[in-house]
Amino acid sequence: MAKPLIIDVPHDIGREEARRRIESSVEQGRTLLQKYGITVNNLAWTGDRLDFALSALTQNVDGAVDVGQESVRVEVRLPFLLALFAEQIQKSVGKEGNLLLTKK
C-alpha cells in the first residue's frame, strides 16, 4: 500500500452536527458509489470515528473518517493502482466534504 491520503475538512458546525450530517449521507454515498462500480464492504462507527472498506477495480481500499470539533479528517489507504488517482480523489472528497459541512 502507498502512504495514506489524508484530507482535512474544516468546519464550524461542531462535532455533533458534523457527525449527524455524515451519518445521514452514508447510505446516499453507498448508492452513488455502487453506480461507479465501487462496493462498500464495511462501514462501522466507533465513537466519532467511521472505519470503512471499499472495493474498486479489483482493488481494496480502507480508511477512516474522524469527526472533530472543528474539522473532519479523512484518511484513505490506497493501493498502488488507485494511488495514481490520489490528487483527483483528494479534490473530490475535499469539495464534497466542504459542501456537506458548510453551515446551512
N, C-alpha and C. Protein backbone atom coordinates (compact mmCIF):
# COMPACT_ATOMS: atom_id res chain seq x y z
N MET A 1 0.83 -1.19 0.00
CA MET A 1 0.00 0.00 0.00
C MET A 1 0.87 1.25 0.00
N ALA A 2 0.41 2.25 -0.69
CA ALA A 2 1.08 3.54 -0.71
C ALA A 2 0.82 4.26 0.61
N LYS A 3 1.49 5.38 0.82
CA LYS A 3 1.25 6.13 2.05
C LYS A 3 -0.19 6.65 2.04
N PRO A 4 -0.78 6.82 3.21
CA PRO A 4 -2.18 7.23 3.29
C PRO A 4 -2.43 8.60 2.68
N LEU A 5 -3.57 8.74 2.06
CA LEU A 5 -4.05 10.01 1.56
C LEU A 5 -4.85 10.62 2.71
N ILE A 6 -4.48 11.83 3.13
CA ILE A 6 -5.15 12.47 4.27
C ILE A 6 -5.77 13.78 3.80
N ILE A 7 -7.04 13.94 4.14
CA ILE A 7 -7.79 15.14 3.76
C ILE A 7 -8.42 15.69 5.03
N ASP A 8 -8.12 16.95 5.34
CA ASP A 8 -8.75 17.63 6.47
C ASP A 8 -9.77 18.61 5.94
N VAL A 9 -10.99 18.49 6.43
CA VAL A 9 -12.07 19.38 6.01
C VAL A 9 -12.49 20.20 7.22
N PRO A 10 -12.12 21.48 7.26
CA PRO A 10 -12.51 22.32 8.39
C PRO A 10 -14.01 22.61 8.37
N HIS A 11 -14.57 22.83 9.56
CA HIS A 11 -15.97 23.20 9.65
C HIS A 11 -16.19 24.01 10.92
N ASP A 12 -17.32 24.66 11.00
CA ASP A 12 -17.65 25.42 12.21
C ASP A 12 -19.06 25.08 12.70
N ILE A 13 -19.43 23.82 12.51
CA ILE A 13 -20.78 23.38 12.91
C ILE A 13 -20.76 22.49 14.15
N GLY A 14 -19.58 22.22 14.69
CA GLY A 14 -19.47 21.38 15.89
C GLY A 14 -19.44 19.90 15.55
N ARG A 15 -18.88 19.14 16.47
CA ARG A 15 -18.70 17.69 16.26
C ARG A 15 -20.03 16.96 16.07
N GLU A 16 -21.00 17.25 16.92
CA GLU A 16 -22.27 16.52 16.86
C GLU A 16 -22.99 16.72 15.53
N GLU A 17 -23.06 17.98 15.07
CA GLU A 17 -23.74 18.26 13.81
C GLU A 17 -22.96 17.68 12.63
N ALA A 18 -21.63 17.75 12.68
CA ALA A 18 -20.82 17.17 11.60
C ALA A 18 -21.07 15.66 11.51
N ARG A 19 -21.06 15.00 12.66
CA ARG A 19 -21.29 13.55 12.65
C ARG A 19 -22.70 13.23 12.15
N ARG A 20 -23.68 14.00 12.59
CA ARG A 20 -25.06 13.77 12.15
C ARG A 20 -25.17 13.88 10.63
N ARG A 21 -24.53 14.88 10.06
CA ARG A 21 -24.59 15.07 8.60
C ARG A 21 -23.88 13.92 7.87
N ILE A 22 -22.76 13.50 8.40
CA ILE A 22 -22.03 12.39 7.77
C ILE A 22 -22.86 11.12 7.86
N GLU A 23 -23.40 10.83 9.04
CA GLU A 23 -24.23 9.64 9.22
C GLU A 23 -25.41 9.64 8.26
N SER A 24 -26.05 10.80 8.11
CA SER A 24 -27.25 10.85 7.26
C SER A 24 -26.90 10.74 5.77
N SER A 25 -25.67 10.99 5.41
CA SER A 25 -25.30 10.91 3.99
C SER A 25 -24.61 9.60 3.61
N VAL A 26 -24.36 8.73 4.58
CA VAL A 26 -23.63 7.48 4.31
C VAL A 26 -24.39 6.59 3.32
N GLU A 27 -25.65 6.37 3.53
CA GLU A 27 -26.40 5.49 2.62
C GLU A 27 -26.52 6.08 1.23
N GLN A 28 -26.71 7.38 1.15
CA GLN A 28 -26.75 8.06 -0.15
C GLN A 28 -25.40 7.87 -0.86
N GLY A 29 -24.33 7.99 -0.11
CA GLY A 29 -23.00 7.79 -0.67
C GLY A 29 -22.78 6.37 -1.15
N ARG A 30 -23.27 5.40 -0.39
CA ARG A 30 -23.13 4.00 -0.79
C ARG A 30 -23.82 3.75 -2.12
N THR A 31 -25.02 4.29 -2.28
CA THR A 31 -25.76 4.14 -3.53
C THR A 31 -25.02 4.78 -4.70
N LEU A 32 -24.48 5.98 -4.47
CA LEU A 32 -23.74 6.68 -5.52
C LEU A 32 -22.49 5.89 -5.92
N LEU A 33 -21.76 5.37 -4.95
CA LEU A 33 -20.55 4.61 -5.24
C LEU A 33 -20.86 3.36 -6.06
N GLN A 34 -21.97 2.70 -5.75
CA GLN A 34 -22.34 1.49 -6.49
C GLN A 34 -22.56 1.79 -7.96
N LYS A 35 -23.04 2.98 -8.28
CA LYS A 35 -23.24 3.36 -9.68
C LYS A 35 -21.92 3.40 -10.44
N TYR A 36 -20.82 3.62 -9.71
CA TYR A 36 -19.49 3.69 -10.33
C TYR A 36 -18.70 2.40 -10.15
N GLY A 37 -19.39 1.32 -9.76
CA GLY A 37 -18.73 0.03 -9.63
C GLY A 37 -17.90 -0.11 -8.37
N ILE A 38 -18.17 0.70 -7.37
CA ILE A 38 -17.44 0.63 -6.10
C ILE A 38 -18.34 -0.04 -5.07
N THR A 39 -17.84 -1.09 -4.46
CA THR A 39 -18.60 -1.84 -3.46
C THR A 39 -18.15 -1.44 -2.06
N VAL A 40 -19.10 -1.12 -1.20
CA VAL A 40 -18.79 -0.81 0.19
C VAL A 40 -18.84 -2.13 0.96
N ASN A 41 -17.68 -2.54 1.47
CA ASN A 41 -17.58 -3.80 2.20
C ASN A 41 -17.81 -3.65 3.69
N ASN A 42 -17.49 -2.48 4.24
CA ASN A 42 -17.61 -2.28 5.68
C ASN A 42 -17.78 -0.81 6.00
N LEU A 43 -18.71 -0.53 6.89
CA LEU A 43 -18.89 0.78 7.50
C LEU A 43 -19.18 0.56 8.97
N ALA A 44 -18.33 1.08 9.85
CA ALA A 44 -18.53 0.83 11.28
C ALA A 44 -18.14 2.06 12.09
N TRP A 45 -19.09 2.57 12.87
CA TRP A 45 -18.81 3.70 13.75
C TRP A 45 -18.29 3.19 15.09
N THR A 46 -17.26 3.84 15.60
CA THR A 46 -16.76 3.64 16.96
C THR A 46 -16.56 5.04 17.52
N GLY A 47 -17.48 5.46 18.37
CA GLY A 47 -17.43 6.84 18.85
C GLY A 47 -17.63 7.79 17.69
N ASP A 48 -16.67 8.70 17.50
CA ASP A 48 -16.76 9.67 16.41
C ASP A 48 -15.85 9.29 15.25
N ARG A 49 -15.58 8.01 15.10
CA ARG A 49 -14.72 7.51 14.02
C ARG A 49 -15.51 6.51 13.17
N LEU A 50 -15.50 6.73 11.87
CA LEU A 50 -16.14 5.82 10.93
C LEU A 50 -15.05 5.09 10.15
N ASP A 51 -14.92 3.79 10.38
CA ASP A 51 -13.98 2.97 9.62
C ASP A 51 -14.73 2.42 8.41
N PHE A 52 -14.03 2.35 7.28
CA PHE A 52 -14.66 1.87 6.07
C PHE A 52 -13.70 1.02 5.25
N ALA A 53 -14.29 0.19 4.41
CA ALA A 53 -13.52 -0.62 3.45
C ALA A 53 -14.34 -0.68 2.17
N LEU A 54 -13.66 -0.47 1.04
CA LEU A 54 -14.29 -0.44 -0.27
C LEU A 54 -13.51 -1.34 -1.22
N SER A 55 -14.17 -1.75 -2.30
CA SER A 55 -13.51 -2.47 -3.39
C SER A 55 -13.83 -1.75 -4.68
N ALA A 56 -12.77 -1.52 -5.49
CA ALA A 56 -12.95 -0.85 -6.78
C ALA A 56 -11.88 -1.33 -7.73
N LEU A 57 -12.26 -1.65 -8.95
CA LEU A 57 -11.31 -2.09 -9.97
C LEU A 57 -10.43 -3.23 -9.45
N THR A 58 -11.03 -4.18 -8.79
CA THR A 58 -10.36 -5.33 -8.15
C THR A 58 -9.32 -4.90 -7.12
N GLN A 59 -9.43 -3.68 -6.62
CA GLN A 59 -8.51 -3.16 -5.60
C GLN A 59 -9.30 -2.93 -4.31
N ASN A 60 -8.65 -3.19 -3.18
CA ASN A 60 -9.28 -2.94 -1.89
C ASN A 60 -8.74 -1.64 -1.30
N VAL A 61 -9.63 -0.86 -0.75
CA VAL A 61 -9.31 0.42 -0.15
C VAL A 61 -9.91 0.44 1.24
N ASP A 62 -9.16 0.96 2.21
CA ASP A 62 -9.75 1.12 3.53
C ASP A 62 -9.30 2.45 4.10
N GLY A 63 -9.98 2.86 5.15
CA GLY A 63 -9.64 4.13 5.76
C GLY A 63 -10.59 4.46 6.89
N ALA A 64 -10.53 5.72 7.31
CA ALA A 64 -11.34 6.16 8.43
C ALA A 64 -11.69 7.63 8.28
N VAL A 65 -12.81 7.99 8.88
CA VAL A 65 -13.25 9.38 8.96
C VAL A 65 -13.32 9.70 10.45
N ASP A 66 -12.51 10.65 10.89
CA ASP A 66 -12.51 11.09 12.28
C ASP A 66 -13.18 12.44 12.37
N VAL A 67 -14.28 12.49 13.12
CA VAL A 67 -15.06 13.72 13.25
C VAL A 67 -14.58 14.49 14.47
N GLY A 68 -14.05 15.68 14.25
CA GLY A 68 -13.59 16.53 15.33
C GLY A 68 -14.48 17.75 15.51
N GLN A 69 -14.19 18.51 16.54
CA GLN A 69 -14.99 19.69 16.86
C GLN A 69 -14.90 20.76 15.78
N GLU A 70 -13.72 20.88 15.12
CA GLU A 70 -13.53 21.93 14.12
C GLU A 70 -13.11 21.42 12.75
N SER A 71 -12.93 20.11 12.62
CA SER A 71 -12.57 19.55 11.32
C SER A 71 -12.90 18.07 11.27
N VAL A 72 -12.99 17.58 10.06
CA VAL A 72 -13.17 16.15 9.81
C VAL A 72 -11.92 15.70 9.06
N ARG A 73 -11.30 14.64 9.56
CA ARG A 73 -10.08 14.11 8.95
C ARG A 73 -10.42 12.79 8.27
N VAL A 74 -10.15 12.74 6.98
CA VAL A 74 -10.39 11.53 6.20
C VAL A 74 -9.03 10.95 5.85
N GLU A 75 -8.83 9.71 6.21
CA GLU A 75 -7.58 9.01 5.87
C GLU A 75 -7.93 7.80 5.03
N VAL A 76 -7.34 7.72 3.84
CA VAL A 76 -7.62 6.63 2.91
C VAL A 76 -6.30 5.96 2.54
N ARG A 77 -6.26 4.65 2.67
CA ARG A 77 -5.09 3.89 2.26
C ARG A 77 -5.39 3.28 0.89
N LEU A 78 -4.68 3.81 -0.11
CA LEU A 78 -4.92 3.41 -1.49
C LEU A 78 -3.84 2.45 -1.97
N PRO A 79 -4.22 1.37 -2.65
CA PRO A 79 -3.21 0.53 -3.28
C PRO A 79 -2.56 1.29 -4.44
N PHE A 80 -1.44 0.80 -4.90
CA PHE A 80 -0.65 1.50 -5.90
C PHE A 80 -1.47 1.95 -7.11
N LEU A 81 -2.28 1.06 -7.66
CA LEU A 81 -3.05 1.39 -8.86
C LEU A 81 -3.94 2.60 -8.63
N LEU A 82 -4.64 2.62 -7.52
CA LEU A 82 -5.55 3.73 -7.24
C LEU A 82 -4.82 4.97 -6.71
N ALA A 83 -3.62 4.79 -6.19
CA ALA A 83 -2.83 5.93 -5.71
C ALA A 83 -2.50 6.88 -6.86
N LEU A 84 -2.54 6.37 -8.08
CA LEU A 84 -2.31 7.21 -9.24
C LEU A 84 -3.38 8.29 -9.38
N PHE A 85 -4.53 8.06 -8.77
CA PHE A 85 -5.66 9.00 -8.84
C PHE A 85 -5.81 9.79 -7.54
N ALA A 86 -4.79 9.78 -6.69
CA ALA A 86 -4.88 10.41 -5.36
C ALA A 86 -5.25 11.89 -5.44
N GLU A 87 -4.68 12.62 -6.36
CA GLU A 87 -4.96 14.05 -6.44
C GLU A 87 -6.43 14.30 -6.79
N GLN A 88 -6.96 13.54 -7.74
CA GLN A 88 -8.37 13.70 -8.10
C GLN A 88 -9.29 13.30 -6.94
N ILE A 89 -8.91 12.22 -6.26
CA ILE A 89 -9.71 11.76 -5.11
C ILE A 89 -9.69 12.82 -4.02
N GLN A 90 -8.52 13.39 -3.75
CA GLN A 90 -8.39 14.41 -2.71
C GLN A 90 -9.25 15.63 -3.03
N LYS A 91 -9.23 16.09 -4.27
CA LYS A 91 -10.04 17.25 -4.67
C LYS A 91 -11.53 16.95 -4.52
N SER A 92 -11.94 15.77 -4.97
CA SER A 92 -13.36 15.41 -4.93
C SER A 92 -13.86 15.28 -3.49
N VAL A 93 -13.10 14.58 -2.65
CA VAL A 93 -13.51 14.41 -1.25
C VAL A 93 -13.52 15.75 -0.54
N GLY A 94 -12.53 16.59 -0.79
CA GLY A 94 -12.49 17.91 -0.18
C GLY A 94 -13.69 18.76 -0.57
N LYS A 95 -14.01 18.75 -1.86
CA LYS A 95 -15.15 19.54 -2.36
C LYS A 95 -16.46 19.05 -1.76
N GLU A 96 -16.69 17.74 -1.83
CA GLU A 96 -17.95 17.19 -1.30
C GLU A 96 -18.02 17.36 0.22
N GLY A 97 -16.89 17.21 0.90
CA GLY A 97 -16.86 17.41 2.35
C GLY A 97 -17.21 18.83 2.72
N ASN A 98 -16.66 19.79 1.99
CA ASN A 98 -16.99 21.20 2.25
C ASN A 98 -18.47 21.48 2.04
N LEU A 99 -19.04 20.91 0.99
CA LEU A 99 -20.47 21.11 0.73
C LEU A 99 -21.32 20.53 1.86
N LEU A 100 -20.94 19.35 2.34
CA LEU A 100 -21.68 18.66 3.38
C LEU A 100 -21.60 19.41 4.72
N LEU A 101 -20.43 19.97 5.01
CA LEU A 101 -20.19 20.53 6.33
C LEU A 101 -20.32 22.05 6.41
N THR A 102 -20.78 22.68 5.33
CA THR A 102 -20.99 24.13 5.34
C THR A 102 -22.28 24.44 6.09
N LYS A 103 -22.24 25.50 6.88
CA LYS A 103 -23.45 25.91 7.62
C LYS A 103 -24.61 26.12 6.65
N LYS A 104 -25.77 25.71 7.07
CA LYS A 104 -26.97 25.87 6.24
C LYS A 104 -28.02 26.60 7.00
